[in-house]
Structures are given as C-alpha cells and as structure tokens.
C-alpha cells in the first residue's frame, strides 16, 4: 500500500503517528493515523514486518507454574465463566494508560443499547475535545462526526479527542462521565480501580490485571463492539484519513476479538487481549512490560496456553426429559418443569468424554407451588466428581385447593 509520505512520531507520551509535520497536522486529511504506543512505525505495520514477532506457535509448559509471560502483572480469564486460568500479581495496582478506554467503550455501548444514543447520530466536536493531546484523529472544533466513526477511532487508534467527544455526548461532560466510569467499575466488582479521565492520560489513575479482565468481559457482552475492535485498517472522513491498528494480535493471532493497548512512560507497555476459538473466549491481561514485544509475546503465551489446555462444554437436556411434576392438593394435578439457558462449563481438554449428566426432579410437590420454585436439578459430573449443578424451576404457579374445590373434585371422581 502506498504511503503518502514520511511518518513522524508525536512528542513523548503522545500516541499518534500522522503523515505531516505537527504544525500541519490540524486536519489529518490525507494522513495515516495509528496508535504509536507499541513504538512501531506505520511502514512496519503496513508491510507486515514486525520485529521480534515469531509467526510460529509458542512452547507451552505443562502447567502455569512455569509459564513465563513477563510484565509486572498478568492474568488469563475464561470469559463465559469468569474463571482465572493463570495469574501473576493479579491485584497489584498499576497505571494502565489507554487500557482505560475499555471502560469508556463499555459506557458508550451501554448508551447505544439503551437507546440513549445511536451509532448513526452525528456529533459536533467541542473546543475542549479538540484540545486533547496524545493519540488523536485531529478533530477540529465544530467538526461533525458520527458516533460509529468515533467508536472506530477509539477502538482502532485510541483517539483521545474522540473519547472526550463521546464522553460529552453520553454524560454532558468528561467529569460527569468519569464519575459514571467509577460507578460502573464498582458495580462490576473492580475493587482496585480508580479512573481519573476517559482517556488514560492521567497516570495517577490505576487498575489491576484482574479488574481489567472483568471490564473486558463485560464489554464483549456487547457483540457489536467486536466489529470495531477487530479492525486492522480502515478510514475516516470519506477515505481522507487512514487508520492502522497497532494491536498486532488483530492481524496475526487467529480468533482475536480485540481489545486495547496502553503505553506511557510510567505505565510501561500494557495490553488487554481477547480471543475466541471453538466457542471459548479468553482475556489475557498483561501490565507494566518494558517493551511492546514483551506485552504481545506474554499475551500470546497466555492465550496459547488457554486454548491448548481448556475447552467449553455445552450441557444439554434431552427433548422431553423435563416432564411435568405431580402436585398434591393443588388446583392442577401437575406443573411443568423449565430451566434457564445452561451456561457453558469450562473443562480441561479431553474431559468431555468423561462427563455424565443426571436430571433429578421432585417426585411430588405440595401445593401451593410458586412460579420459579426450585423443583429439581441437573447434576454434571466429571470423572465421578460433581462439576456443576443447574436448578430446575416450576413453569407456573399452582394454588392450593380450597375446601369447596376439594369436595367438588371428590364428587366428580365418585360419579365418573
């Protein structure tokens, strides 16, 4: 792909490569924009020549005790269950730089799904949003851009100006938006996290590998976001600004679903990487790496380990197995049995052959029976040990017979 000229790095701590001298970069028209947190050039990214990135598989240890991933803190989580498969200082509070934007994207997607905003809405850039430094798409005061394009700019090139523009849209001001970020973090159980802005520019903010995995898991519940977080190259402004994603995994790791890089001099190189294969989703978080290669290599080791050693099993109840349960002294003689959708069960590779299921329903129920009352359970065992239990519920309420109803039922039985 033809480049339009020389790519210049922004000042230290900035996170954008853009084709132009800084003085001429106000419009970003006809430019290539990319998040420079990894320290790689746009030429390298576009050519596919990525130093230090082995294309083959990693050598995996038999267990996590010898899994060396680097960084100050790291964690591997299976997303459907929230089960932690590997951890290294998972609750150490560290600055996370632009990994902060996972929460920013979460609040945006929640606003979209709640109907408060639409991806097709057009927003006008404020002078404050346009003043942001670091990673940006060089928005100008008064410039109009759609919510969809702003989300793309945040997800692909970590644009700080786009973050603030969206924060103002969702909450009226960045300050109000940050309050919501911290409230949402608390609701998710992110007990060791404090956000100071919506961009990650403030290095006095902090989080942990475990907390980041929690918010990554929550963001990916919004399936639409993956359309943005998996973009390798795209454009803005009718093709006048080209975006290039420096998350190497998006291009080179099969099954990647995102998610977010972050780098400052204080935070070092960090990454929340997510991927899905064969119905199993993983989040690999690594913080405080010395180099970009270290964070991507460490994340890939964790993902490779997870996919090589674990799988998800989808429990199923055979059609017709949920039979009605007899009800004594009720206005009806039986009640239907129902179950919630069964969540997948995390297992080790190969254990699916030793899984057994047993459905246990109550023999009789005494009226009154309440809708949603537990009337049985599905028990899953692996190699003879209980692995999971799922409740079975009454499909409807069955009131107790009144005296007159009881006599009427006896009378009908006698004459029939």
Protein backbone atom coordinates (compact mmCIF):
# COMPACT_ATOMS: atom_id res chain seq x y z
CA UNK A 1 0.00 0.00 0.00
CA UNK A 2 1.35 3.39 -0.99
CA UNK A 3 2.26 5.74 1.83
CA UNK A 4 1.67 9.43 1.35
CA UNK A 5 4.95 10.49 2.88
CA UNK A 6 7.09 10.31 5.97
CA UNK A 7 5.50 9.26 9.32
CA UNK A 8 6.51 11.46 12.23
CA UNK A 9 6.15 10.49 15.86
CA UNK A 10 4.36 12.85 18.21
CA UNK A 11 6.13 14.06 21.35
CA UNK A 12 6.97 11.67 24.20
CA UNK A 13 3.80 10.29 25.76
CA UNK A 14 1.80 11.01 22.61
CA UNK A 15 0.16 8.11 20.85
CA UNK A 16 -0.35 9.01 17.19
CA UNK A 17 1.71 8.67 14.06
CA UNK A 18 0.45 11.01 11.40
CA UNK A 19 1.75 11.85 7.96
CA UNK A 20 2.64 15.52 8.29
CA UNK A 21 4.68 17.84 10.43
CA UNK A 22 2.91 18.68 13.71
CA UNK A 23 2.24 22.23 12.60
CA UNK A 24 0.35 20.95 9.59
CA UNK A 25 -1.46 18.15 11.36
CA UNK A 26 -4.58 20.03 12.35
CA UNK A 27 -6.87 18.48 9.76
CA UNK A 28 -5.44 14.96 9.38
CA UNK A 29 -6.76 14.88 5.83
CA UNK A 30 -4.80 12.61 3.54
CA UNK A 31 -2.92 11.19 6.52
CA UNK A 32 -2.20 7.78 8.01
CA UNK A 33 -3.13 7.67 11.69
CA UNK A 34 -2.11 4.93 14.08
CA UNK A 35 -1.64 4.46 17.79
CA UNK A 36 2.13 4.55 18.34
CA UNK A 37 2.10 3.02 21.82
CA UNK A 38 3.93 -0.08 20.60
CA UNK A 39 6.81 2.01 19.27
CA UNK A 40 6.48 0.57 15.77
CA UNK A 41 6.24 2.67 12.62
CA UNK A 42 3.27 2.71 10.29
CA UNK A 43 5.57 1.49 7.49
CA UNK A 44 6.39 -1.61 9.52
CA UNK A 45 2.75 -2.26 10.33
CA UNK A 46 1.63 -1.90 6.74
CA UNK A 47 4.44 -4.06 5.37
CA UNK A 48 3.84 -6.80 7.94
CA UNK A 49 7.49 -6.69 9.04
CA UNK A 50 7.14 -6.80 12.80
CA UNK A 51 10.43 -7.18 14.65
CA UNK A 52 10.55 -9.78 17.39
CA UNK A 53 7.21 -11.35 16.48
CA UNK A 54 7.62 -15.06 15.81
CA UNK A 55 4.94 -16.41 13.49
CA UNK A 56 5.07 -19.97 14.86
CA UNK A 57 3.40 -21.33 17.97
CA UNK A 58 4.81 -20.85 21.45
CA UNK A 59 6.42 -23.58 23.51
CA UNK A 60 3.90 -24.28 26.25
CA UNK A 61 4.66 -25.64 29.73
CA UNK A 62 2.63 -28.47 31.21
CA UNK A 63 1.17 -26.13 33.84
CA UNK A 64 1.09 -22.44 34.71
CA UNK A 65 3.81 -22.74 37.36
CA UNK A 66 6.45 -22.40 34.67
CA UNK A 67 4.53 -20.06 32.36
CA UNK A 68 6.81 -17.01 32.00
CA UNK A 69 4.93 -14.10 30.44
CA UNK A 70 6.90 -11.06 31.62
CA UNK A 71 5.38 -7.81 32.84
CA UNK A 72 4.68 -6.71 36.40
CA UNK A 73 1.22 -8.24 36.47
CA UNK A 74 -0.71 -10.67 34.28
CA UNK A 75 -3.90 -12.71 34.24
CA UNK A 76 -5.73 -15.14 31.94
CA UNK A 77 -9.52 -15.43 32.31
CA UNK A 78 -12.07 -17.64 30.55
CA UNK A 79 -14.86 -15.24 29.66
CA UNK A 80 -18.07 -17.26 29.95
CA UNK A 81 -17.32 -18.49 33.47
CA UNK A 82 -15.01 -15.74 34.70
CA UNK A 83 -12.62 -18.46 35.87
CA UNK A 84 -8.98 -17.41 36.22
CA UNK A 85 -6.61 -19.84 34.48
CA UNK A 86 -3.34 -18.04 35.20
CA UNK A 87 -2.34 -15.11 37.38
CA UNK A 88 0.74 -13.13 38.34
CA UNK A 89 0.26 -10.33 40.87
CA UNK A 90 -3.36 -10.02 39.64
CA UNK A 91 -4.43 -7.42 42.21
CA UNK A 92 -1.39 -5.13 42.07
CA UNK A 93 -2.50 -1.55 41.44
CA UNK A 94 -0.74 -0.13 38.39
CA UNK A 95 -1.24 2.72 35.91
CA UNK A 96 -2.90 1.35 32.78
CA UNK A 97 -2.72 4.22 30.27
CA UNK A 98 -5.10 3.76 27.31
CA UNK A 99 -6.37 0.40 28.54
CA UNK A 100 -8.68 2.80 30.43
CA UNK A 101 -10.64 3.13 27.19
CA UNK A 102 -12.19 -0.31 27.65
CA UNK A 103 -14.45 1.29 30.27
CA UNK A 104 -15.03 4.29 28.01
CA UNK A 105 -16.18 1.96 25.24
CA UNK A 106 -18.33 -0.01 27.67
CA UNK A 107 -20.29 3.08 28.74
CA UNK A 108 -20.69 4.11 25.11
CA UNK A 109 -22.02 0.70 24.05
CA UNK A 110 -24.39 0.62 27.02
CA UNK A 111 -25.74 4.02 25.98
CA UNK A 112 -26.22 2.72 22.43
CA UNK A 113 -28.03 -0.43 23.54
CA UNK A 114 -30.18 1.55 25.99
CA UNK A 115 -31.30 3.77 23.12
CA UNK A 116 -29.85 6.96 24.59
CA UNK A 117 -27.66 7.43 21.52
CA UNK A 118 -27.43 5.76 18.11
CA UNK A 119 -24.35 4.78 16.13
CA UNK A 120 -25.73 6.85 13.26
CA UNK A 121 -26.01 10.03 15.36
CA UNK A 122 -23.79 12.91 14.22
CA UNK A 123 -21.96 14.86 16.92
CA UNK A 124 -20.19 18.21 16.86
CA UNK A 125 -16.69 18.47 18.33
CA UNK A 126 -16.24 20.91 21.20
CA UNK A 127 -13.12 23.06 21.61
CA UNK A 128 -12.24 21.05 24.72
CA UNK A 129 -12.43 17.70 22.93
CA UNK A 130 -10.36 19.09 20.07
CA UNK A 131 -7.66 20.22 22.52
CA UNK A 132 -6.73 16.70 23.64
CA UNK A 133 -3.12 15.62 23.22
CA UNK A 134 -1.63 12.18 22.72
CA UNK A 135 -3.43 9.71 20.48
CA UNK A 136 -5.95 11.56 18.36
CA UNK A 137 -7.59 11.88 14.97
CA UNK A 138 -7.03 15.63 14.97
CA UNK A 139 -10.65 16.65 15.37
CA UNK A 140 -11.31 20.35 14.85
CA UNK A 141 -13.77 22.46 16.88
CA UNK A 142 -17.11 22.30 15.12
CA UNK A 143 -16.20 19.21 13.09
CA UNK A 144 -19.08 16.76 12.71
CA UNK A 145 -18.52 13.02 13.03
CA UNK A 146 -20.83 10.05 13.60
CA UNK A 147 -20.87 8.02 16.80
CA UNK A 148 -19.86 4.98 14.75
CA UNK A 149 -16.75 6.70 13.40
CA UNK A 150 -15.84 7.99 16.85
CA UNK A 151 -16.11 4.48 18.32
CA UNK A 152 -13.93 3.25 15.47
CA UNK A 153 -11.35 5.92 16.22
CA UNK A 154 -11.25 4.94 19.89
CA UNK A 155 -11.06 1.20 19.23
CA UNK A 156 -8.51 1.32 16.41
CA UNK A 157 -6.20 4.27 17.10
CA UNK A 158 -7.03 5.06 20.73
CA UNK A 159 -8.12 8.61 19.87
CA UNK A 160 -8.31 10.80 22.97
CA UNK A 161 -10.25 13.56 21.22
CA UNK A 162 -12.87 11.02 20.14
CA UNK A 163 -13.10 9.72 23.74
CA UNK A 164 -13.83 13.16 25.15
CA UNK A 165 -16.30 13.93 22.37
CA UNK A 166 -18.21 10.75 23.23
CA UNK A 167 -17.97 11.40 26.98
CA UNK A 168 -19.57 14.80 26.48
CA UNK A 169 -22.30 13.21 24.37
CA UNK A 170 -23.13 10.46 26.88
CA UNK A 171 -22.83 12.44 30.12
CA UNK A 172 -22.64 16.13 29.27
CA UNK A 173 -19.03 16.50 30.40
CA UNK A 174 -15.92 14.39 30.81
CA UNK A 175 -16.05 14.94 34.58
CA UNK A 176 -19.57 13.52 34.81
CA UNK A 177 -18.59 10.64 32.51
CA UNK A 178 -15.63 9.72 34.72
CA UNK A 179 -17.95 9.55 37.73
CA UNK A 180 -20.03 7.03 35.80
CA UNK A 181 -16.88 5.11 34.89
CA UNK A 182 -16.03 4.68 38.56
CA UNK A 183 -19.61 3.80 39.48
CA UNK A 184 -19.68 1.14 36.76
CA UNK A 185 -16.33 -0.21 37.92
CA UNK A 186 -17.68 -0.59 41.46
CA UNK A 187 -20.77 -2.38 40.16
CA UNK A 188 -18.57 -4.85 38.28
CA UNK A 189 -16.54 -5.63 41.39
CA UNK A 190 -13.46 -3.75 40.19
CA UNK A 191 -12.42 -3.04 43.75
CA UNK A 192 -8.87 -1.89 43.00
CA UNK A 193 -9.57 0.60 40.21
CA UNK A 194 -9.76 4.39 40.09
CA UNK A 195 -10.34 6.29 36.87
CA UNK A 196 -9.31 9.95 36.58
CA UNK A 197 -10.27 10.60 32.95
CA UNK A 198 -11.81 8.83 29.97
CA UNK A 199 -8.52 8.58 28.06
CA UNK A 200 -5.88 7.18 30.39
CA UNK A 201 -3.66 10.25 30.06
CA UNK A 202 -3.67 10.77 33.85
CA UNK A 203 -1.06 8.36 35.22
CA UNK A 204 -2.32 8.76 38.80
CA UNK A 205 -5.27 6.54 37.87
CA UNK A 206 -4.83 2.83 38.44
CA UNK A 207 -6.29 -0.62 37.99
CA UNK A 208 -5.26 -4.27 38.16
CA UNK A 209 -4.99 -7.17 35.74
CA UNK A 210 -7.99 -8.84 37.39
CA UNK A 211 -10.16 -5.72 37.24
CA UNK A 212 -9.26 -5.15 33.59
CA UNK A 213 -10.30 -8.71 32.78
CA UNK A 214 -13.66 -8.02 34.45
CA UNK A 215 -14.39 -4.95 32.35
CA UNK A 216 -13.09 -6.64 29.19
CA UNK A 217 -15.51 -9.49 29.82
CA UNK A 218 -18.37 -7.02 30.27
CA UNK A 219 -17.52 -5.04 27.13
CA UNK A 220 -17.52 -8.17 24.97
CA UNK A 221 -21.08 -8.93 26.04
CA UNK A 222 -21.92 -6.15 23.58
CA UNK A 223 -21.36 -8.13 20.38
CA UNK A 224 -21.37 -5.04 18.16
CA UNK A 225 -18.11 -3.77 19.65
CA UNK A 226 -16.14 -6.64 18.09
CA UNK A 227 -16.88 -5.14 14.67
CA UNK A 228 -14.71 -2.21 15.76
CA UNK A 229 -12.07 -3.88 17.95
CA UNK A 230 -11.12 -6.32 15.17
CA UNK A 231 -10.48 -3.65 12.55
CA UNK A 232 -6.94 -3.82 11.18
CA UNK A 233 -7.17 -0.94 8.70
CA UNK A 234 -9.99 1.47 7.91
CA UNK A 235 -10.64 5.09 7.03
CA UNK A 236 -12.38 8.21 8.30
CA UNK A 237 -13.54 11.39 6.59
CA UNK A 238 -14.62 9.63 3.39
CA UNK A 239 -11.26 7.94 2.99
CA UNK A 240 -9.13 11.02 3.62
CA UNK A 241 -7.74 9.70 6.92
CA UNK A 242 -6.45 6.14 7.06
CA UNK A 243 -6.43 4.27 10.38
CA UNK A 244 -3.97 1.47 11.21
CA UNK A 245 -4.34 -0.64 14.34
CA UNK A 246 -1.12 -1.42 16.24
CA UNK A 247 -2.67 -4.28 18.17
CA UNK A 248 -0.60 -6.98 16.45
CA UNK A 249 -2.94 -9.72 17.53
CA UNK A 250 -5.75 -8.30 15.39
CA UNK A 251 -3.71 -9.09 12.30
CA UNK A 252 -1.68 -12.11 13.31
CA UNK A 253 -3.48 -14.09 16.03
CA UNK A 254 -6.38 -16.27 14.79
CA UNK A 255 -9.60 -15.67 16.69
CA UNK A 256 -8.64 -12.27 18.09
CA UNK A 257 -11.59 -10.16 19.20
CA UNK A 258 -9.57 -7.16 20.47
CA UNK A 259 -9.08 -5.42 22.74
CA UNK A 260 -6.88 -2.50 23.91
CA UNK A 261 -3.26 -1.48 24.24
CA UNK A 262 -1.85 1.16 26.57
CA UNK A 263 1.54 2.81 26.99
CA UNK A 264 3.04 5.73 28.88
CA UNK A 265 6.49 6.17 30.38
CA UNK A 266 5.07 5.47 33.86
CA UNK A 267 2.71 2.62 32.92
CA UNK A 268 5.09 0.91 30.54
CA UNK A 269 3.57 -1.26 27.82
CA UNK A 270 0.25 -2.91 28.70
CA UNK A 271 -2.38 -4.92 26.86
CA UNK A 272 -5.79 -6.48 27.31
CA UNK A 273 -6.01 -9.11 24.57
CA UNK A 274 -9.13 -11.15 23.88
CA UNK A 275 -9.71 -14.05 21.52
CA UNK A 276 -12.29 -16.75 20.82
CA UNK A 277 -11.88 -20.24 19.37
CA UNK A 278 -14.33 -23.14 19.26
CA UNK A 279 -16.83 -21.25 21.38
CA UNK A 280 -14.37 -20.42 24.17
CA UNK A 281 -13.41 -16.81 24.85
CA UNK A 282 -10.26 -15.78 26.72
CA UNK A 283 -8.94 -12.49 28.07
CA UNK A 284 -5.19 -12.15 28.59
CA UNK A 285 -4.14 -9.03 30.50
CA UNK A 286 -0.52 -8.01 30.96
CA UNK A 287 0.66 -4.78 32.61
CA UNK A 288 3.94 -2.94 33.08
CA UNK A 289 6.03 -4.53 30.34
CA UNK A 290 9.35 -2.98 29.35
CA UNK A 291 8.77 -3.33 25.62
CA UNK A 292 5.90 -3.74 23.20
CA UNK A 293 7.25 -7.12 22.09
CA UNK A 294 7.12 -8.29 25.70
CA UNK A 295 3.44 -7.48 26.12
CA UNK A 296 2.35 -9.09 22.87
CA UNK A 297 4.55 -12.12 23.45
CA UNK A 298 3.27 -12.53 27.00
CA UNK A 299 -0.36 -12.17 25.96
CA UNK A 300 0.07 -14.70 23.20
CA UNK A 301 1.69 -17.19 25.57
CA UNK A 302 -1.31 -16.95 27.88
CA UNK A 303 -3.82 -17.28 25.05
CA UNK A 304 -1.94 -20.21 23.54
CA UNK A 305 -1.85 -21.91 26.94
CA UNK A 306 -5.58 -21.43 27.45
CA UNK A 307 -6.60 -22.71 24.03
CA UNK A 308 -4.20 -25.67 24.24
CA UNK A 309 -5.38 -26.87 27.64
CA UNK A 310 -9.04 -25.89 28.05
CA UNK A 311 -12.37 -26.11 26.26
CA UNK A 312 -16.01 -25.34 26.99
CA UNK A 313 -18.70 -27.99 27.25
CA UNK A 314 -22.30 -27.05 26.48
CA UNK A 315 -24.71 -29.00 28.72
CA UNK A 316 -27.91 -30.10 27.01
CA UNK A 317 -31.16 -31.53 28.31
CA UNK A 318 -32.70 -34.11 26.00
CA UNK A 319 -36.02 -33.16 24.47
CA UNK A 320 -38.85 -34.49 26.62
CA UNK A 321 -36.66 -35.03 29.67
CA UNK A 322 -38.26 -32.17 31.59
CA UNK A 323 -41.52 -33.94 32.42
CA UNK A 324 -44.35 -32.40 34.48
CA UNK A 325 -44.16 -32.98 38.23
CA UNK A 326 -47.24 -34.16 40.18
CA UNK A 327 -48.78 -31.60 42.54
CA UNK A 328 -50.74 -32.74 45.60
CA UNK A 329 -53.81 -30.79 46.77
CA UNK A 330 -53.41 -28.18 44.06
CA UNK A 331 -55.95 -26.68 41.64
CA UNK A 332 -53.96 -28.53 38.98
CA UNK A 333 -52.56 -32.02 39.28
CA UNK A 334 -49.14 -31.20 37.84
CA UNK A 335 -46.79 -28.38 36.93
CA UNK A 336 -44.36 -28.06 34.05
CA UNK A 337 -40.60 -28.03 34.60
CA UNK A 338 -38.31 -25.46 32.96
CA UNK A 339 -34.65 -24.45 33.09
CA UNK A 340 -32.72 -21.31 32.28
CA UNK A 341 -30.30 -21.38 29.37
CA UNK A 342 -27.43 -23.53 30.53
CA UNK A 343 -24.09 -21.68 30.67
CA UNK A 344 -21.10 -23.50 29.18
CA UNK A 345 -18.85 -25.39 31.55
CA UNK A 346 -15.10 -24.87 31.44
CA UNK A 347 -13.26 -28.19 31.24
CA UNK A 348 -9.77 -29.42 30.51
CA UNK A 349 -9.17 -30.72 27.01
CA UNK A 350 -10.33 -34.32 26.73
CA UNK A 351 -12.62 -34.29 29.77
CA UNK A 352 -15.74 -34.16 27.60
CA UNK A 353 -15.50 -37.95 27.23
CA UNK A 354 -15.90 -38.45 30.99
CA UNK A 355 -18.84 -36.09 31.57
CA UNK A 356 -22.10 -37.56 32.89
CA UNK A 357 -25.44 -35.79 33.40
CA UNK A 358 -28.26 -36.70 35.79
CA UNK A 359 -31.61 -34.93 35.86
CA UNK A 360 -33.29 -35.17 39.29
CA UNK A 361 -36.90 -33.95 39.66
CA UNK A 362 -39.11 -33.95 42.75
CA UNK A 363 -41.46 -36.94 42.87
CA UNK A 364 -44.34 -34.89 44.28
CA UNK A 365 -44.94 -31.26 45.20
CA UNK A 366 -47.30 -30.00 47.90
CA UNK A 367 -49.49 -27.07 46.81
CA UNK A 368 -49.19 -24.17 46.76
CA UNK A 369 -46.40 -24.19 44.17
CA UNK A 370 -44.91 -20.87 43.11
CA UNK A 371 -43.74 -20.00 39.63
CA UNK A 372 -39.95 -20.21 39.63
CA UNK A 373 -39.86 -22.52 42.65
CA UNK A 374 -36.93 -24.93 42.51
CA UNK A 375 -38.30 -28.42 41.85
CA UNK A 376 -35.17 -30.29 40.79
CA UNK A 377 -31.66 -30.03 39.42
CA UNK A 378 -29.38 -31.16 36.64
CA UNK A 379 -26.10 -32.53 38.01
CA UNK A 380 -22.96 -32.75 35.87
CA UNK A 381 -20.07 -34.92 36.96
CA UNK A 382 -16.57 -35.23 35.52
CA UNK A 383 -14.71 -38.45 36.29
CA UNK A 384 -17.21 -39.11 39.09
CA UNK A 385 -16.87 -35.72 40.81
CA UNK A 386 -19.61 -33.09 40.76
CA UNK A 387 -18.63 -30.31 38.37
CA UNK A 388 -21.82 -28.23 38.19
CA UNK A 389 -25.45 -28.11 39.27
CA UNK A 390 -28.27 -26.32 37.45
CA UNK A 391 -31.68 -25.68 39.04
CA UNK A 392 -35.00 -26.79 37.52
CA UNK A 393 -37.97 -24.48 38.15
CA UNK A 394 -41.77 -24.68 38.22
CA UNK A 395 -43.11 -23.23 34.98
CA UNK A 396 -46.27 -21.83 36.61
CA UNK A 397 -47.97 -21.23 39.93
CA UNK A 398 -50.36 -23.87 41.28
CA UNK A 399 -52.57 -22.56 44.13
CA UNK A 400 -53.77 -24.90 46.85
CA UNK A 401 -57.29 -26.33 46.57
CA UNK A 402 -59.97 -24.64 48.65
CA UNK A 403 -62.42 -26.74 50.68
CA UNK A 404 -65.25 -26.41 48.16
CA UNK A 405 -62.89 -27.18 45.27
CA UNK A 406 -61.67 -30.28 47.11
CA UNK A 407 -65.23 -31.54 47.68
CA UNK A 408 -66.10 -30.85 44.04
CA UNK A 409 -63.09 -32.84 42.88
CA UNK A 410 -64.06 -35.77 45.16
CA UNK A 411 -67.63 -35.67 43.88
CA UNK A 412 -66.54 -35.71 40.24
CA UNK A 413 -64.24 -38.63 40.97
CA UNK A 414 -67.06 -40.59 42.60
CA UNK A 415 -69.55 -40.21 39.76
CA UNK A 416 -67.12 -40.68 36.90
